[in-house]
Amino acid sequence: MFSTDTWLVIVCSLSTNAVLFGTGVVTVLSVPALAAHAIYLIPAVVVASLALSPVAASWIAPRMRLRNWGRRDWREGDVISG
C-alpha cells in the first residue's frame, strides 16, 4: 500500500488545501477590485490551491514525524512550529 510518509502527505495536503483555498477566496471576495472578477478568480483559486497543496504538504509532513526531530531541534523549533 502506501508508506507512512505518503499517508502523512495526503492527510496534510487535505488540511493545507483548505487553508490555501480559504485564504484565496477571502482575499478575492474582500478586495473590491478582485471581487468584480470573482467569477474568473475563484476557479483560479481552486486550481491554485489544488496545485500548491501537495507541494506545501510535502514540506510540512516530515515535521509531523517524531523521528525527524532531535533533542536540539525540540529545543529550537523551526519555522512552522515556532
C-alpha atoms as a PDB file:
ATOM      1  CA  MET A   1       0.000   0.000   0.000  1.00  0.00           C
ATOM      2  CA  PHE A   2       1.348   3.471   0.853  1.00  0.00           C
ATOM      3  CA  SER A   3       4.140   4.305   3.256  1.00  0.00           C
ATOM      4  CA  THR A   4       3.548   6.305   6.403  1.00  0.00           C
ATOM      5  CA  ASP A   5       5.234   9.331   4.865  1.00  0.00           C
ATOM      6  CA  THR A   6       2.879   9.197   1.883  1.00  0.00           C
ATOM      7  CA  TRP A   7      -0.160   8.999   4.152  1.00  0.00           C
ATOM      8  CA  LEU A   8       1.099  11.979   6.135  1.00  0.00           C
ATOM      9  CA  VAL A   9       1.477  13.991   2.934  1.00  0.00           C
ATOM     10  CA  ILE A  10      -2.040  13.019   1.820  1.00  0.00           C
ATOM     11  CA  VAL A  11      -3.668  13.922   5.133  1.00  0.00           C
ATOM     12  CA  CYS A  12      -1.644  17.109   5.481  1.00  0.00           C
ATOM     13  CA  SER A  13      -2.484  18.018   1.886  1.00  0.00           C
ATOM     14  CA  LEU A  14      -6.205  17.999   2.672  1.00  0.00           C
ATOM     15  CA  SER A  15      -5.784  20.486   5.502  1.00  0.00           C
ATOM     16  CA  THR A  16      -3.328  22.580   3.533  1.00  0.00           C
ATOM     17  CA  ASN A  17      -5.743  22.710   0.602  1.00  0.00           C
ATOM     18  CA  ALA A  18      -8.499  24.020   2.871  1.00  0.00           C
ATOM     19  CA  VAL A  19      -6.256  26.753   4.276  1.00  0.00           C
ATOM     20  CA  LEU A  20      -4.971  27.837   0.854  1.00  0.00           C
ATOM     21  CA  PHE A  21      -8.469  27.839  -0.637  1.00  0.00           C
ATOM     22  CA  GLY A  22      -9.939  29.781   2.274  1.00  0.00           C
ATOM     23  CA  THR A  23      -7.168  32.355   2.187  1.00  0.00           C
ATOM     24  CA  GLY A  24      -7.550  32.811  -1.554  1.00  0.00           C
ATOM     25  CA  VAL A  25     -11.332  33.118  -1.511  1.00  0.00           C
ATOM     26  CA  VAL A  26     -11.329  35.565   1.396  1.00  0.00           C
ATOM     27  CA  THR A  27      -8.740  37.651  -0.433  1.00  0.00           C
ATOM     28  CA  VAL A  28     -10.715  37.628  -3.684  1.00  0.00           C
ATOM     29  CA  LEU A  29     -14.007  38.485  -2.031  1.00  0.00           C
ATOM     30  CA  SER A  30     -12.684  41.125   0.367  1.00  0.00           C
ATOM     31  CA  VAL A  31     -10.789  43.236  -2.187  1.00  0.00           C
ATOM     32  CA  PRO A  32     -13.348  45.189  -4.253  1.00  0.00           C
ATOM     33  CA  ALA A  33     -11.177  45.233  -7.385  1.00  0.00           C
ATOM     34  CA  LEU A  34     -10.845  41.447  -7.242  1.00  0.00           C
ATOM     35  CA  ALA A  35     -14.466  40.846  -6.249  1.00  0.00           C
ATOM     36  CA  ALA A  36     -15.573  42.335  -9.565  1.00  0.00           C
ATOM     37  CA  HIS A  37     -13.758  39.482 -11.323  1.00  0.00           C
ATOM     38  CA  ALA A  38     -14.701  36.789  -8.815  1.00  0.00           C
ATOM     39  CA  ILE A  39     -16.368  34.635 -11.468  1.00  0.00           C
ATOM     40  CA  TYR A  40     -12.934  34.050 -13.006  1.00  0.00           C
ATOM     41  CA  LEU A  41     -10.725  34.314  -9.943  1.00  0.00           C
ATOM     42  CA  ILE A  42     -12.478  31.799  -7.675  1.00  0.00           C
ATOM     43  CA  PRO A  43     -11.947  28.899 -10.120  1.00  0.00           C
ATOM     44  CA  ALA A  44      -8.328  30.053 -10.398  1.00  0.00           C
ATOM     45  CA  VAL A  45      -8.062  29.917  -6.604  1.00  0.00           C
ATOM     46  CA  VAL A  46      -9.454  26.371  -6.659  1.00  0.00           C
ATOM     47  CA  VAL A  47      -6.893  25.244  -9.234  1.00  0.00           C
ATOM     48  CA  ALA A  48      -4.040  27.040  -7.477  1.00  0.00           C
ATOM     49  CA  SER A  49      -4.912  25.566  -4.090  1.00  0.00           C
ATOM     50  CA  LEU A  50      -5.149  22.067  -5.575  1.00  0.00           C
ATOM     51  CA  ALA A  51      -1.792  22.513  -7.298  1.00  0.00           C
ATOM     52  CA  LEU A  52       0.051  24.049  -4.343  1.00  0.00           C
ATOM     53  CA  SER A  53      -1.315  21.916  -1.507  1.00  0.00           C
ATOM     54  CA  PRO A  54       0.769  18.772  -2.238  1.00  0.00           C
ATOM     55  CA  VAL A  55       3.904  20.913  -2.509  1.00  0.00           C
ATOM     56  CA  ALA A  56       3.226  22.664   0.782  1.00  0.00           C
ATOM     57  CA  ALA A  57       2.199  19.394   2.436  1.00  0.00           C
ATOM     58  CA  SER A  58       5.393  17.670   1.359  1.00  0.00           C
ATOM     59  CA  TRP A  59       7.282  20.462   3.120  1.00  0.00           C
ATOM     60  CA  ILE A  60       5.147  20.227   6.290  1.00  0.00           C
ATOM     61  CA  ALA A  61       4.651  16.439   6.570  1.00  0.00           C
ATOM     62  CA  PRO A  62       8.227  15.438   7.530  1.00  0.00           C
ATOM     63  CA  ARG A  63       7.913  17.666  10.582  1.00  0.00           C
ATOM     64  CA  MET A  64       4.992  15.523  11.732  1.00  0.00           C
ATOM     65  CA  ARG A  65       7.277  12.515  12.307  1.00  0.00           C
ATOM     66  CA  LEU A  66       8.883  12.236  15.717  1.00  0.00           C
ATOM     67  CA  ARG A  67      11.946  10.518  14.288  1.00  0.00           C
ATOM     68  CA  ASN A  68      12.851  13.643  12.313  1.00  0.00           C
ATOM     69  CA  TRP A  69      13.346  15.701  15.463  1.00  0.00           C
ATOM     70  CA  GLY A  70      16.494  15.537  17.562  1.00  0.00           C
ATOM     71  CA  ARG A  71      16.992  16.956  21.055  1.00  0.00           C
ATOM     72  CA  ARG A  72      18.385  20.215  19.698  1.00  0.00           C
ATOM     73  CA  ASP A  73      15.510  20.567  17.235  1.00  0.00           C
ATOM     74  CA  TRP A  74      12.946  20.088  20.000  1.00  0.00           C
ATOM     75  CA  ARG A  75      14.509  22.950  21.943  1.00  0.00           C
ATOM     76  CA  GLU A  76      14.910  25.317  19.000  1.00  0.00           C
ATOM     77  CA  GLY A  77      11.833  24.524  16.901  1.00  0.00           C
ATOM     78  CA  ASP A  78      11.586  25.575  13.265  1.00  0.00           C
ATOM     79  CA  VAL A  79       9.709  27.979  11.015  1.00  0.00           C
ATOM     80  CA  ILE A  80       6.455  26.047  11.257  1.00  0.00           C
ATOM     81  CA  SER A  81       6.367  25.040  14.920  1.00  0.00           C
ATOM     82  CA  GLY A  82       7.945  28.184  16.327  1.00  0.00           C
END
